[in-house]
N, C-alpha and C. Protein backbone atom coordinates (compact mmCIF):
# COMPACT_ATOMS: atom_id res chain seq x y z
N UNK A 1 -5.49 -24.40 11.02
CA UNK A 1 -5.11 -23.72 9.79
C UNK A 1 -4.11 -24.60 9.06
N UNK A 2 -4.35 -24.82 7.78
CA UNK A 2 -3.50 -25.71 7.00
C UNK A 2 -2.50 -24.91 6.17
N UNK A 3 -1.23 -25.07 6.48
CA UNK A 3 -0.16 -24.46 5.71
C UNK A 3 0.77 -25.56 5.26
N UNK A 4 1.16 -25.51 4.01
CA UNK A 4 2.11 -26.48 3.49
C UNK A 4 3.41 -25.76 3.20
N UNK A 5 4.51 -26.25 3.77
CA UNK A 5 5.81 -25.64 3.58
C UNK A 5 6.71 -26.57 2.79
N UNK A 6 7.63 -25.97 2.05
CA UNK A 6 8.60 -26.74 1.28
C UNK A 6 9.96 -26.56 1.95
N UNK A 7 10.37 -27.56 2.70
CA UNK A 7 11.62 -27.45 3.45
C UNK A 7 12.85 -27.58 2.56
N UNK A 8 12.66 -27.95 1.30
CA UNK A 8 13.79 -28.04 0.37
C UNK A 8 13.93 -26.78 -0.47
N UNK A 9 12.96 -25.89 -0.35
CA UNK A 9 12.97 -24.65 -1.12
C UNK A 9 14.09 -23.74 -0.63
N UNK A 10 14.55 -22.89 -1.52
CA UNK A 10 15.54 -21.89 -1.15
C UNK A 10 14.87 -20.67 -0.51
N UNK A 11 13.53 -20.64 -0.54
CA UNK A 11 12.79 -19.55 0.09
C UNK A 11 12.75 -19.82 1.59
N UNK A 12 13.18 -18.84 2.40
CA UNK A 12 13.17 -19.05 3.85
C UNK A 12 11.77 -19.44 4.35
N UNK A 13 11.75 -20.26 5.39
CA UNK A 13 10.49 -20.75 5.94
C UNK A 13 9.59 -19.60 6.39
N UNK A 14 10.16 -18.58 7.04
CA UNK A 14 9.32 -17.48 7.51
C UNK A 14 8.66 -16.75 6.34
N UNK A 15 9.35 -16.64 5.21
CA UNK A 15 8.77 -16.00 4.02
C UNK A 15 7.65 -16.88 3.47
N UNK A 16 7.85 -18.20 3.48
CA UNK A 16 6.80 -19.11 3.03
C UNK A 16 5.55 -18.96 3.90
N UNK A 17 5.74 -18.85 5.21
CA UNK A 17 4.60 -18.70 6.12
C UNK A 17 3.87 -17.39 5.82
N UNK A 18 4.63 -16.30 5.66
CA UNK A 18 4.03 -15.00 5.35
C UNK A 18 3.20 -15.10 4.07
N UNK A 19 3.77 -15.66 3.04
CA UNK A 19 3.08 -15.74 1.75
C UNK A 19 1.86 -16.64 1.81
N UNK A 20 1.94 -17.77 2.53
CA UNK A 20 0.80 -18.69 2.63
C UNK A 20 -0.36 -18.02 3.38
N UNK A 21 -0.05 -17.34 4.47
CA UNK A 21 -1.11 -16.67 5.23
C UNK A 21 -1.73 -15.55 4.40
N UNK A 22 -0.91 -14.76 3.72
CA UNK A 22 -1.45 -13.70 2.85
C UNK A 22 -2.38 -14.30 1.81
N UNK A 23 -2.00 -15.44 1.26
CA UNK A 23 -2.80 -16.10 0.23
C UNK A 23 -4.13 -16.61 0.80
N UNK A 24 -4.13 -17.03 2.05
CA UNK A 24 -5.33 -17.57 2.68
C UNK A 24 -6.32 -16.50 3.12
N UNK A 25 -5.82 -15.27 3.30
CA UNK A 25 -6.71 -14.20 3.75
C UNK A 25 -7.67 -13.85 2.61
N UNK A 26 -8.95 -13.96 2.89
CA UNK A 26 -9.97 -13.69 1.88
C UNK A 26 -11.28 -14.31 2.31
N UNK A 27 -12.28 -14.17 1.46
CA UNK A 27 -13.61 -14.64 1.85
C UNK A 27 -13.73 -16.15 2.00
N UNK A 28 -12.86 -16.92 1.38
CA UNK A 28 -12.99 -18.38 1.40
C UNK A 28 -12.23 -19.06 2.53
N UNK A 29 -11.14 -18.44 3.01
CA UNK A 29 -10.32 -19.14 4.00
C UNK A 29 -10.24 -18.38 5.32
N UNK A 30 -9.35 -17.42 5.41
CA UNK A 30 -9.19 -16.65 6.64
C UNK A 30 -9.94 -15.33 6.52
N UNK A 31 -10.98 -15.20 7.31
CA UNK A 31 -11.84 -14.01 7.24
C UNK A 31 -11.40 -12.96 8.25
N UNK A 32 -11.65 -11.67 7.96
CA UNK A 32 -11.32 -10.62 8.93
C UNK A 32 -11.96 -10.93 10.28
N UNK A 33 -11.17 -10.75 11.32
CA UNK A 33 -11.64 -11.02 12.68
C UNK A 33 -11.33 -12.42 13.15
N UNK A 34 -11.01 -13.32 12.23
CA UNK A 34 -10.73 -14.71 12.61
C UNK A 34 -9.41 -14.78 13.38
N UNK A 35 -9.40 -15.59 14.42
CA UNK A 35 -8.21 -15.75 15.23
C UNK A 35 -7.28 -16.78 14.61
N UNK A 36 -5.99 -16.47 14.61
CA UNK A 36 -4.96 -17.40 14.12
C UNK A 36 -4.42 -18.20 15.30
N UNK A 37 -3.77 -19.32 15.01
CA UNK A 37 -3.14 -20.09 16.10
C UNK A 37 -2.07 -19.23 16.77
N UNK A 38 -1.76 -19.55 18.01
CA UNK A 38 -0.66 -18.86 18.68
C UNK A 38 0.64 -19.19 17.95
N UNK A 39 1.65 -18.38 18.20
CA UNK A 39 2.95 -18.62 17.59
C UNK A 39 3.45 -20.01 17.97
N UNK A 40 3.33 -20.34 19.24
CA UNK A 40 3.80 -21.66 19.69
C UNK A 40 3.02 -22.81 19.07
N UNK A 41 1.71 -22.64 18.96
CA UNK A 41 0.88 -23.69 18.38
C UNK A 41 1.21 -23.90 16.91
N UNK A 42 1.33 -22.80 16.16
CA UNK A 42 1.64 -22.93 14.73
C UNK A 42 3.04 -23.52 14.54
N UNK A 43 3.99 -23.10 15.37
CA UNK A 43 5.34 -23.65 15.28
C UNK A 43 5.32 -25.16 15.53
N UNK A 44 4.54 -25.59 16.51
CA UNK A 44 4.41 -27.02 16.80
C UNK A 44 3.75 -27.75 15.63
N UNK A 45 2.66 -27.18 15.11
CA UNK A 45 1.94 -27.81 14.00
C UNK A 45 2.83 -27.95 12.76
N UNK A 46 3.63 -26.91 12.48
CA UNK A 46 4.47 -26.91 11.29
C UNK A 46 5.83 -27.58 11.51
N UNK A 47 6.12 -27.87 12.78
CA UNK A 47 7.40 -28.45 13.17
C UNK A 47 8.57 -27.55 12.77
N UNK A 48 8.41 -26.28 13.13
CA UNK A 48 9.46 -25.29 12.89
C UNK A 48 9.76 -24.58 14.20
N UNK A 49 10.84 -23.84 14.20
CA UNK A 49 11.24 -23.09 15.38
C UNK A 49 10.23 -21.99 15.70
N UNK A 50 9.98 -21.79 16.98
CA UNK A 50 9.09 -20.74 17.46
C UNK A 50 9.45 -19.38 16.87
N UNK A 51 10.75 -19.07 16.83
CA UNK A 51 11.20 -17.77 16.32
C UNK A 51 10.88 -17.57 14.85
N UNK A 52 10.82 -18.64 14.08
CA UNK A 52 10.48 -18.55 12.66
C UNK A 52 9.05 -18.06 12.50
N UNK A 53 8.13 -18.64 13.25
CA UNK A 53 6.73 -18.22 13.19
C UNK A 53 6.58 -16.81 13.76
N UNK A 54 7.28 -16.51 14.84
CA UNK A 54 7.21 -15.17 15.43
C UNK A 54 7.66 -14.12 14.43
N UNK A 55 8.70 -14.42 13.67
CA UNK A 55 9.18 -13.47 12.63
C UNK A 55 8.13 -13.28 11.55
N UNK A 56 7.51 -14.36 11.11
CA UNK A 56 6.47 -14.27 10.08
C UNK A 56 5.28 -13.46 10.59
N UNK A 57 4.85 -13.72 11.81
CA UNK A 57 3.73 -12.96 12.39
C UNK A 57 4.08 -11.47 12.52
N UNK A 58 5.32 -11.18 12.91
CA UNK A 58 5.76 -9.78 13.04
C UNK A 58 5.69 -9.07 11.68
N UNK A 59 6.14 -9.74 10.63
CA UNK A 59 6.09 -9.17 9.28
C UNK A 59 4.64 -8.93 8.86
N UNK A 60 3.78 -9.92 9.10
CA UNK A 60 2.36 -9.78 8.75
C UNK A 60 1.70 -8.67 9.55
N UNK A 61 2.09 -8.53 10.80
CA UNK A 61 1.55 -7.46 11.65
C UNK A 61 1.99 -6.10 11.11
N UNK A 62 3.27 -5.97 10.79
CA UNK A 62 3.78 -4.71 10.25
C UNK A 62 3.14 -4.36 8.91
N UNK A 63 2.77 -5.40 8.15
CA UNK A 63 2.15 -5.18 6.84
C UNK A 63 0.65 -4.90 6.94
N UNK A 64 0.10 -5.03 8.13
CA UNK A 64 -1.32 -4.75 8.31
C UNK A 64 -2.24 -5.89 7.91
N UNK A 65 -1.70 -7.10 7.82
CA UNK A 65 -2.50 -8.26 7.46
C UNK A 65 -3.15 -8.87 8.70
N UNK A 66 -2.40 -8.86 9.81
CA UNK A 66 -2.89 -9.40 11.08
C UNK A 66 -2.63 -8.38 12.18
N UNK A 67 -3.22 -8.62 13.33
CA UNK A 67 -2.98 -7.80 14.51
C UNK A 67 -2.79 -8.72 15.70
N UNK A 68 -1.66 -8.57 16.37
CA UNK A 68 -1.39 -9.35 17.56
C UNK A 68 -1.68 -8.48 18.77
N UNK A 69 -2.56 -8.97 19.62
CA UNK A 69 -2.98 -8.22 20.80
C UNK A 69 -2.55 -9.00 22.04
N UNK A 70 -1.66 -8.39 22.80
CA UNK A 70 -1.11 -9.04 23.99
C UNK A 70 -2.22 -9.58 24.88
N UNK A 71 -2.15 -10.87 25.17
CA UNK A 71 -3.12 -11.51 26.06
C UNK A 71 -4.41 -11.94 25.39
N UNK A 72 -4.67 -11.48 24.17
CA UNK A 72 -5.92 -11.84 23.47
C UNK A 72 -5.67 -12.79 22.32
N UNK A 73 -4.60 -12.57 21.57
CA UNK A 73 -4.31 -13.43 20.44
C UNK A 73 -3.98 -12.65 19.18
N UNK A 74 -3.95 -13.37 18.08
CA UNK A 74 -3.62 -12.79 16.78
C UNK A 74 -4.82 -12.96 15.87
N UNK A 75 -5.21 -11.88 15.22
CA UNK A 75 -6.43 -11.86 14.42
C UNK A 75 -6.16 -11.31 13.01
N UNK A 76 -6.93 -11.82 12.06
CA UNK A 76 -6.87 -11.33 10.68
C UNK A 76 -7.56 -9.97 10.62
N UNK A 77 -6.91 -9.02 9.96
CA UNK A 77 -7.48 -7.69 9.81
C UNK A 77 -8.29 -7.60 8.52
N UNK A 78 -9.12 -6.56 8.43
CA UNK A 78 -9.83 -6.29 7.18
C UNK A 78 -8.81 -6.04 6.08
N UNK A 79 -9.16 -6.37 4.83
CA UNK A 79 -8.22 -6.11 3.73
C UNK A 79 -7.83 -4.63 3.70
N UNK A 80 -6.60 -4.35 3.30
CA UNK A 80 -6.15 -2.96 3.29
C UNK A 80 -6.88 -2.15 2.23
N UNK A 81 -6.95 -0.86 2.48
CA UNK A 81 -7.48 0.04 1.47
C UNK A 81 -6.53 0.05 0.28
N UNK A 82 -7.05 0.31 -0.93
CA UNK A 82 -6.18 0.28 -2.11
C UNK A 82 -4.94 1.17 -1.97
N UNK A 83 -5.08 2.31 -1.31
CA UNK A 83 -3.92 3.20 -1.18
C UNK A 83 -2.85 2.61 -0.26
N UNK A 84 -3.23 1.68 0.62
CA UNK A 84 -2.25 1.04 1.49
C UNK A 84 -1.68 -0.24 0.88
N UNK A 85 -2.35 -0.78 -0.11
CA UNK A 85 -1.92 -2.06 -0.71
C UNK A 85 -0.53 -1.93 -1.33
N UNK A 86 -0.26 -0.83 -2.03
CA UNK A 86 1.05 -0.66 -2.65
C UNK A 86 2.14 -0.57 -1.59
N UNK A 87 1.87 0.15 -0.51
CA UNK A 87 2.84 0.26 0.57
C UNK A 87 3.14 -1.12 1.16
N UNK A 88 2.10 -1.94 1.31
CA UNK A 88 2.27 -3.27 1.86
C UNK A 88 3.08 -4.16 0.91
N UNK A 89 2.78 -4.07 -0.38
CA UNK A 89 3.53 -4.85 -1.37
C UNK A 89 5.00 -4.44 -1.37
N UNK A 90 5.23 -3.12 -1.33
CA UNK A 90 6.60 -2.61 -1.32
C UNK A 90 7.35 -3.09 -0.08
N UNK A 91 6.67 -3.10 1.06
CA UNK A 91 7.29 -3.57 2.30
C UNK A 91 7.64 -5.06 2.21
N UNK A 92 6.76 -5.84 1.61
CA UNK A 92 7.03 -7.28 1.45
C UNK A 92 8.22 -7.50 0.53
N UNK A 93 8.28 -6.75 -0.58
CA UNK A 93 9.41 -6.88 -1.50
C UNK A 93 10.71 -6.48 -0.81
N UNK A 94 10.66 -5.43 -0.02
CA UNK A 94 11.84 -4.98 0.72
C UNK A 94 12.32 -6.07 1.67
N UNK A 95 11.40 -6.71 2.37
CA UNK A 95 11.75 -7.78 3.32
C UNK A 95 12.41 -8.95 2.60
N UNK A 96 11.83 -9.36 1.48
CA UNK A 96 12.38 -10.49 0.72
C UNK A 96 13.76 -10.14 0.17
N UNK A 97 13.90 -8.92 -0.36
CA UNK A 97 15.18 -8.49 -0.93
C UNK A 97 16.26 -8.43 0.13
N UNK A 98 15.93 -7.87 1.29
CA UNK A 98 16.91 -7.80 2.38
C UNK A 98 17.36 -9.20 2.80
N UNK A 99 16.41 -10.11 2.92
CA UNK A 99 16.74 -11.48 3.30
C UNK A 99 17.68 -12.11 2.27
N UNK A 100 17.36 -11.92 1.00
CA UNK A 100 18.18 -12.47 -0.09
C UNK A 100 19.60 -11.89 -0.04
N UNK A 101 19.70 -10.57 0.10
CA UNK A 101 21.01 -9.94 0.11
C UNK A 101 21.83 -10.34 1.33
N UNK A 102 21.18 -10.44 2.49
CA UNK A 102 21.90 -10.89 3.69
C UNK A 102 22.43 -12.32 3.52
N UNK A 103 21.62 -13.17 2.91
CA UNK A 103 22.04 -14.56 2.71
C UNK A 103 23.18 -14.65 1.70
N UNK A 104 23.11 -13.88 0.62
CA UNK A 104 24.21 -13.91 -0.36
C UNK A 104 25.50 -13.37 0.26
N UNK A 105 25.38 -12.35 1.08
CA UNK A 105 26.57 -11.81 1.77
C UNK A 105 27.14 -12.86 2.72
N UNK A 106 26.24 -13.52 3.48
CA UNK A 106 26.68 -14.56 4.42
C UNK A 106 27.43 -15.68 3.70
N UNK A 107 27.01 -15.97 2.47
CA UNK A 107 27.65 -17.03 1.69
C UNK A 107 28.92 -16.57 0.97
N UNK A 108 29.24 -15.28 1.10
CA UNK A 108 30.50 -14.78 0.54
C UNK A 108 30.45 -14.26 -0.87
N UNK A 109 29.27 -14.04 -1.42
CA UNK A 109 29.17 -13.50 -2.77
C UNK A 109 29.48 -12.01 -2.78
N UNK A 110 30.06 -11.55 -3.86
CA UNK A 110 30.32 -10.13 -4.07
C UNK A 110 29.10 -9.50 -4.73
N UNK A 111 28.88 -8.20 -4.49
CA UNK A 111 27.72 -7.53 -5.09
C UNK A 111 27.63 -7.70 -6.60
N UNK A 112 28.76 -7.71 -7.28
CA UNK A 112 28.76 -7.86 -8.74
C UNK A 112 28.24 -9.24 -9.16
N UNK A 113 28.59 -10.27 -8.39
CA UNK A 113 28.11 -11.62 -8.69
C UNK A 113 26.59 -11.70 -8.51
N UNK A 114 26.10 -11.11 -7.43
CA UNK A 114 24.67 -11.12 -7.15
C UNK A 114 23.93 -10.35 -8.24
N UNK A 115 24.44 -9.20 -8.60
CA UNK A 115 23.81 -8.38 -9.63
C UNK A 115 23.72 -9.13 -10.96
N UNK A 116 24.81 -9.79 -11.36
CA UNK A 116 24.82 -10.54 -12.62
C UNK A 116 23.79 -11.67 -12.59
N UNK A 117 23.73 -12.36 -11.45
CA UNK A 117 22.78 -13.46 -11.33
C UNK A 117 21.34 -12.97 -11.40
N UNK A 118 21.05 -11.89 -10.68
CA UNK A 118 19.69 -11.34 -10.68
C UNK A 118 19.33 -10.85 -12.09
N UNK A 119 20.24 -10.17 -12.75
CA UNK A 119 19.96 -9.70 -14.11
C UNK A 119 19.66 -10.87 -15.05
N UNK A 120 20.41 -11.96 -14.91
CA UNK A 120 20.18 -13.15 -15.73
C UNK A 120 18.80 -13.73 -15.46
N UNK A 121 18.43 -13.85 -14.20
CA UNK A 121 17.12 -14.40 -13.83
C UNK A 121 15.99 -13.49 -14.32
N UNK A 122 16.17 -12.18 -14.20
CA UNK A 122 15.15 -11.24 -14.67
C UNK A 122 14.98 -11.33 -16.18
N UNK A 123 16.08 -11.48 -16.89
CA UNK A 123 16.00 -11.62 -18.35
C UNK A 123 15.24 -12.89 -18.72
N UNK A 124 15.50 -13.98 -18.02
CA UNK A 124 14.76 -15.22 -18.28
C UNK A 124 13.28 -15.04 -17.97
N UNK A 125 12.97 -14.34 -16.89
CA UNK A 125 11.58 -14.08 -16.49
C UNK A 125 10.87 -13.29 -17.59
N UNK A 126 11.53 -12.25 -18.09
CA UNK A 126 10.93 -11.43 -19.15
C UNK A 126 10.70 -12.27 -20.42
N UNK A 127 11.67 -13.11 -20.76
CA UNK A 127 11.57 -13.92 -21.98
C UNK A 127 10.54 -15.04 -21.87
N UNK A 128 10.44 -15.64 -20.69
CA UNK A 128 9.58 -16.80 -20.50
C UNK A 128 8.19 -16.43 -19.96
N UNK A 129 8.05 -15.19 -19.48
CA UNK A 129 6.76 -14.74 -18.97
C UNK A 129 6.48 -15.10 -17.52
N UNK A 130 7.40 -15.82 -16.88
CA UNK A 130 7.26 -16.13 -15.46
C UNK A 130 8.67 -16.37 -14.90
N UNK A 131 8.79 -16.24 -13.58
CA UNK A 131 10.13 -16.44 -12.98
C UNK A 131 10.64 -17.86 -13.23
N UNK A 132 11.95 -18.01 -13.37
CA UNK A 132 12.52 -19.37 -13.56
C UNK A 132 12.17 -20.24 -12.36
N UNK A 133 11.86 -21.50 -12.65
CA UNK A 133 11.59 -22.47 -11.58
C UNK A 133 12.87 -22.78 -10.85
N UNK A 134 12.70 -23.26 -9.59
CA UNK A 134 13.86 -23.71 -8.83
C UNK A 134 14.44 -24.93 -9.50
N UNK A 135 15.74 -25.08 -9.37
CA UNK A 135 16.42 -26.22 -9.97
C UNK A 135 17.19 -26.99 -8.97
């Protein structure tokens, strides 16, 4: 499985893995029932920590994208029903937001600083039609 990661990105590696796998799931790349590499194998292939891949797989499993079966492996699930898609999207947004807030707290930012920054970025997104690029 080919995944390309950006190690200079501010997006955590586990989030990049989650998003890349979600993007690959479909009729052209990763089909329902297809087995994914083991956590250890993917970590070795990507040259990242085992725990990073395990976290990404756990998020994908909780979102219903994959299923990890003890002793058998990890497999791509059928696409979610439309009524479950919103729940899955909301769960992904919640995961990304929590990660962002934990990181800003770890770096010592106050909630007001984070709020002002997010509001500024959202305003730029609305004005430009897409999120601001990384700088």
